[in-house]
Protein backbone atom coordinates (compact mmCIF):
# COMPACT_ATOMS: atom_id res chain seq x y z
CA MET A 1 0.19 -0.02 0.06
CA ASP A 2 1.60 3.77 -1.16
CA PHE A 3 1.91 6.16 1.01
CA PHE A 4 -1.21 8.16 -0.27
CA GLU A 5 -3.30 4.60 0.27
CA LEU A 6 -2.58 4.75 3.98
CA HIS A 7 -4.44 7.66 4.38
CA HIS A 8 -7.70 6.61 2.92
CA ARG A 9 -8.62 3.78 5.35
CA PRO A 10 -11.23 3.37 7.80
CA GLN A 11 -9.16 3.67 11.11
CA PRO A 12 -6.45 6.98 10.36
CA LEU A 13 -2.96 6.55 10.26
CA LEU A 14 -0.70 6.54 13.32
CA LEU A 15 2.47 8.30 12.14
CA PRO A 16 4.89 7.69 14.63
CA ASN A 17 7.76 10.13 14.69
CA ALA A 18 11.46 9.29 14.71
CA TRP A 19 14.40 11.47 15.50
CA ASP A 20 17.40 9.73 14.35
CA VAL A 21 17.82 5.98 12.66
CA PRO A 22 17.96 3.72 15.86
CA SER A 23 13.98 5.48 16.76
CA ALA A 24 12.84 4.93 13.24
CA LEU A 25 14.32 1.53 13.15
CA ALA A 26 12.33 0.92 16.72
CA PHE A 27 9.10 1.88 14.76
CA LEU A 28 9.77 0.05 12.10
CA ASP A 29 9.88 -2.79 13.51
CA ALA A 30 7.02 -2.56 15.77
CA GLY A 31 4.72 -3.16 13.10
CA HIS A 32 4.52 0.90 11.80
CA PRO A 33 4.03 1.03 8.01
CA ALA A 34 4.60 5.12 7.64
CA ILE A 35 7.40 6.96 10.27
CA GLY A 36 7.90 11.03 10.20
CA THR A 37 10.79 12.62 11.76
CA THR A 38 10.54 15.14 14.39
CA SER A 39 11.98 18.63 13.97
CA PHE A 40 12.15 19.26 17.32
CA GLY A 41 13.48 15.85 17.83
CA VAL A 42 15.95 16.67 15.52
CA ALA A 43 16.90 19.58 16.47
CA ALA A 44 17.49 18.70 20.32
CA SER A 45 19.79 16.05 18.94
CA LEU A 46 21.44 18.97 17.72
CA GLY A 47 21.35 20.71 20.63
CA ARG A 48 19.63 23.66 19.15
CA PRO A 49 16.10 24.70 19.98
CA ASP A 50 13.03 24.00 17.28
CA ALA A 51 11.74 26.37 14.49
CA GLY A 52 15.17 28.10 13.52
CA ARG A 53 15.66 26.31 10.16
CA VAL A 54 18.62 23.78 11.54
CA THR A 55 17.59 20.78 10.85
CA ARG A 56 17.76 21.12 6.54
CA GLU A 57 20.99 18.80 6.43
CA ALA A 58 20.30 16.61 9.12
CA ASN A 59 17.07 15.77 7.58
CA LEU A 60 18.38 14.87 4.32
CA ALA A 61 21.22 12.76 6.08
CA LEU A 62 18.19 11.04 7.84
CA THR A 63 16.21 10.68 4.82
CA ARG A 64 19.79 9.23 2.96
CA ALA A 65 20.26 6.70 5.99
CA LEU A 66 17.29 5.28 6.20
CA ALA A 67 16.55 4.65 2.20
CA GLY A 68 15.56 1.46 1.82
CA ILE A 69 13.82 0.77 4.77
CA PRO A 70 10.00 -0.92 3.99
CA ALA A 71 8.38 1.98 5.38
CA HIS A 72 7.13 5.13 3.97
CA LEU A 73 9.05 8.68 5.40
CA SER A 74 7.69 11.61 6.02
CA VAL A 75 10.37 14.54 6.82
CA ASP A 76 9.38 17.76 8.56
CA ILE A 77 11.12 20.51 6.93
CA GLU A 78 9.59 23.27 9.06
CA ASP A 79 9.00 25.61 6.94
CA GLY A 80 11.16 24.67 3.87
CA TYR A 81 14.85 26.45 5.31
CA SER A 82 13.91 29.52 2.51
CA ASP A 83 11.26 32.01 1.72
CA ASP A 84 11.99 31.15 -1.81
CA PRO A 85 10.00 28.70 -3.57
CA ASP A 86 12.62 27.18 -5.96
CA GLN A 87 14.72 26.62 -3.26
CA VAL A 88 12.20 24.98 -1.13
CA ALA A 89 10.98 23.07 -4.26
CA ASP A 90 14.64 21.97 -4.83
CA TYR A 91 14.99 20.98 -1.43
CA VAL A 92 11.82 18.56 -0.96
CA ALA A 93 13.35 17.39 -4.97
CA GLU A 94 16.28 16.47 -3.01
CA LEU A 95 14.09 14.28 -0.54
CA ALA A 96 12.50 12.46 -3.13
CA GLU A 97 15.33 11.24 -4.93
CA ALA A 98 17.01 9.75 -1.53
CA GLY A 99 13.32 7.84 -0.62
CA ALA A 100 11.19 10.54 1.09
CA ALA A 101 7.84 9.60 0.44
CA GLY A 102 6.12 12.94 1.82
CA VAL A 103 6.93 16.08 3.66
CA ASN A 104 5.34 18.46 6.10
CA ILE A 105 5.91 22.08 5.20
CA GLU A 106 4.54 24.81 7.56
CA ASP A 107 3.19 28.12 7.29
CA SER A 108 4.81 29.72 10.23
CA SER A 109 8.68 30.87 10.53
CA ALA A 110 10.25 32.06 13.62
CA GLU A 111 6.95 31.33 15.62
CA ALA A 112 4.58 33.29 13.47
CA LEU A 113 2.40 32.72 10.86
CA ILE A 114 3.69 33.90 7.31
CA ASP A 115 1.82 35.15 4.34
CA PRO A 116 -0.40 32.26 3.27
CA GLY A 117 -0.13 33.77 -0.58
CA LEU A 118 3.77 32.62 0.32
CA HIS A 119 3.49 29.41 1.70
CA ALA A 120 0.84 28.35 -1.15
CA ALA A 121 3.50 29.45 -3.76
CA LYS A 122 5.88 26.86 -1.70
CA LEU A 123 3.52 23.80 -2.00
CA THR A 124 2.85 24.71 -5.74
CA ALA A 125 6.70 24.84 -6.10
CA ILE A 126 6.71 21.67 -4.71
CA LYS A 127 4.06 19.74 -6.11
CA GLN A 128 6.13 20.94 -9.76
CA ARG A 129 9.00 19.49 -8.97
CA ALA A 130 8.08 16.34 -6.59
CA PRO A 131 4.62 15.28 -7.98
CA ARG A 132 4.95 12.03 -6.14
CA VAL A 133 5.90 13.14 -2.59
CA PHE A 134 2.76 13.27 -0.28
CA LEU A 135 2.56 17.28 0.54
CA ASN A 136 1.17 17.84 3.73
CA ALA A 137 0.92 21.65 4.45
CA ARG A 138 0.25 22.15 8.58
CA VAL A 139 -1.83 25.18 9.33
CA ASP A 140 -0.02 26.58 12.17
CA THR A 141 -3.04 29.06 13.51
CA TYR A 142 -3.97 27.09 16.57
CA TRP A 143 -0.42 26.27 17.38
CA LEU A 144 0.57 29.20 17.80
CA GLY A 145 -3.00 31.12 18.98
CA GLU A 146 -2.57 33.59 15.98
CA GLU A 147 -6.08 33.85 13.99
CA ALA A 148 -7.04 30.53 16.12
CA THR A 149 -10.52 30.35 14.49
CA PRO A 150 -12.30 28.29 11.84
CA GLU A 151 -12.60 30.37 9.51
CA ALA A 152 -9.41 31.06 9.37
CA THR A 153 -7.96 28.23 9.81
CA LEU A 154 -9.86 26.65 6.74
CA ARG A 155 -9.43 30.09 4.54
CA ARG A 156 -5.49 28.98 4.86
CA ALA A 157 -6.09 25.48 3.96
CA GLU A 158 -8.48 25.60 1.38
CA ARG A 159 -5.84 27.98 -0.41
CA TYR A 160 -3.11 25.71 0.08
CA VAL A 161 -5.21 22.54 -1.16
CA ALA A 162 -5.82 24.97 -4.11
CA ALA A 163 -2.49 25.24 -4.33
CA GLY A 164 -1.70 21.44 -4.03
CA ALA A 165 -1.54 20.08 -0.85
CA ASP A 166 -2.51 16.46 -0.16
CA GLY A 167 -2.88 16.53 2.83
CA VAL A 168 -3.82 19.43 5.82
CA PHE A 169 -2.10 19.72 9.22
CA THR A 170 -3.78 21.43 11.98
CA PRO A 171 -1.68 20.91 15.50
CA GLY A 172 -3.22 22.53 18.36
CA ALA A 173 -6.65 21.61 16.67
CA SER A 174 -8.62 19.83 19.10
CA GLU A 175 -12.19 20.31 20.10
CA PRO A 176 -14.32 17.66 18.15
CA GLU A 177 -16.77 20.15 16.93
CA LEU A 178 -13.72 21.78 15.21
CA LEU A 179 -12.13 18.46 13.98
CA ALA A 180 -15.59 17.87 12.88
CA THR A 181 -16.03 21.15 11.02
CA LEU A 182 -12.88 21.09 9.03
CA THR A 183 -13.12 17.57 7.67
CA ALA A 184 -15.71 18.07 6.42
CA ALA A 185 -15.13 21.00 4.31
CA LEU A 186 -11.66 19.44 3.36
CA PRO A 187 -11.49 17.64 0.47
CA VAL A 188 -7.78 15.98 1.88
CA PRO A 189 -6.83 14.07 4.78
CA LEU A 190 -6.96 16.02 7.81
CA ASN A 191 -3.38 15.51 10.23
CA VAL A 192 -4.02 16.27 13.61
CA LEU A 193 -1.60 15.59 17.02
CA VAL A 194 -2.23 13.12 19.50
CA LEU A 195 -5.07 14.33 21.61
CA PRO A 196 -5.04 12.53 25.15
CA GLY A 197 -7.60 10.76 26.02
CA ARG A 198 -9.17 10.65 22.29
CA SER A 199 -8.65 7.17 20.41
CA LEU A 200 -8.16 6.47 16.96
CA ALA A 201 -11.38 5.02 16.38
CA GLU A 202 -13.30 8.51 18.06
CA LEU A 203 -10.85 10.66 15.59
CA ALA A 204 -11.68 8.53 12.96
CA GLU A 205 -15.49 8.99 13.59
CA LEU A 206 -14.77 13.03 13.78
CA GLY A 207 -13.38 12.43 9.72
CA VAL A 208 -9.72 12.52 10.74
CA ARG A 209 -7.15 10.81 8.51
CA ARG A 210 -3.38 10.77 10.49
CA VAL A 211 -2.23 11.29 13.72
CA SER A 212 1.31 12.39 14.47
CA THR A 213 2.77 11.75 17.15
CA GLY A 214 4.85 14.75 16.76
CA SER A 215 7.77 15.18 19.36
CA MET A 216 6.17 13.76 22.13
CA PRO A 217 8.39 10.20 21.66
CA TYR A 218 11.49 11.92 21.73
CA ARG A 219 10.37 13.57 25.12
CA ALA A 220 9.08 10.54 26.53
CA ALA A 221 12.76 8.93 25.69
CA LEU A 222 14.47 11.66 27.74
CA HIS A 223 12.08 11.08 30.57
CA ALA A 224 12.46 7.62 30.51
CA ALA A 225 16.49 7.51 30.36
CA VAL A 226 16.08 10.23 33.54
CA ALA A 227 14.18 7.87 35.56
CA ALA A 228 16.21 5.09 34.95
CA VAL A 229 19.02 6.65 36.08
CA THR A 230 17.21 8.30 39.28
CA ALA A 231 15.30 4.41 39.60
CA VAL A 232 19.20 3.78 40.31
CA ALA A 233 20.24 6.65 42.80
CA ASP A 234 16.71 5.87 44.59
CA HIS A 235 17.24 2.14 45.20
CA SER A 236 14.11 1.29 43.09
CA PRO A 237 12.71 -0.77 40.39
CA ILE A 238 14.68 0.07 36.85
CA PRO A 239 11.70 0.62 34.21
CA ALA A 240 11.91 -1.62 31.11
CA SER A 241 14.11 -1.44 28.79
CA VAL A 242 15.32 -2.64 24.96
CA PRO A 243 17.51 -5.47 25.81
CA TYR A 244 21.13 -4.39 24.61
CA PRO A 245 21.62 -7.55 22.26
CA GLU A 246 18.24 -7.14 21.09
CA LEU A 247 19.37 -3.25 19.80
CA GLN A 248 22.50 -4.59 18.56
CA GLU A 249 20.74 -6.80 16.57
CA ARG A 250 18.66 -4.66 14.96
CA LEU A 251 21.66 -1.99 14.05
CA ARG A 252 23.83 -5.29 12.46
CA ARG A 253 20.35 -6.20 10.25
CA PHE A 254 20.20 -2.54 9.36
CA HIS A 255 24.12 -2.19 7.93
CA SER A 256 23.79 -5.53 6.42
């Protein structure tokens, strides 16, 4: 089943977001048919904050490293790392050549919304250069608390669909009524972040077609690492972990 088809099943596509090769391989071994990257996790692994256009080369290197794995890869490219639509399209074409099946691109830069016309121009340029890439257009109205209304969000989303977006991502949008409004109005799959307390089946009933984990697995991994060390210090039960031989064998298989 190709990446596009995974967005049109009865249950939403659960997209776990990796930050390096081992995390991607862990999700692969857990049976996920598609894996995304998290710009926060990749940036944090470099010791840098998110949304600063620092993940460009790291994402390209990660895509090349994961080329050939039996899963579709969608790359979170922040705002495309440029204000020039042609430069953004060139980068996505490079990712596609390296094996990316999709990209996620947000309509904000430096934690502020950008002109929707500029974002639409980026989407059109990407679709012309890399038509087989699943183009997920992120609308950051609710994420940033700017223009955070259904009407403003839909105006942006509909403009991006007209420009060639294959899906729309609305992080921060969580109310059932809002999600139902968005899915009813949009002709493409709606992507949301994991919503605690809401199952994939419940989100499917609202019309959601893709659910991303975002940076949550990366943050959970850091929490688990500290918890493990704290357990040793407190002489309390050590949390479960993947055995060393299993991880070592996973990496050997990957490189063989």
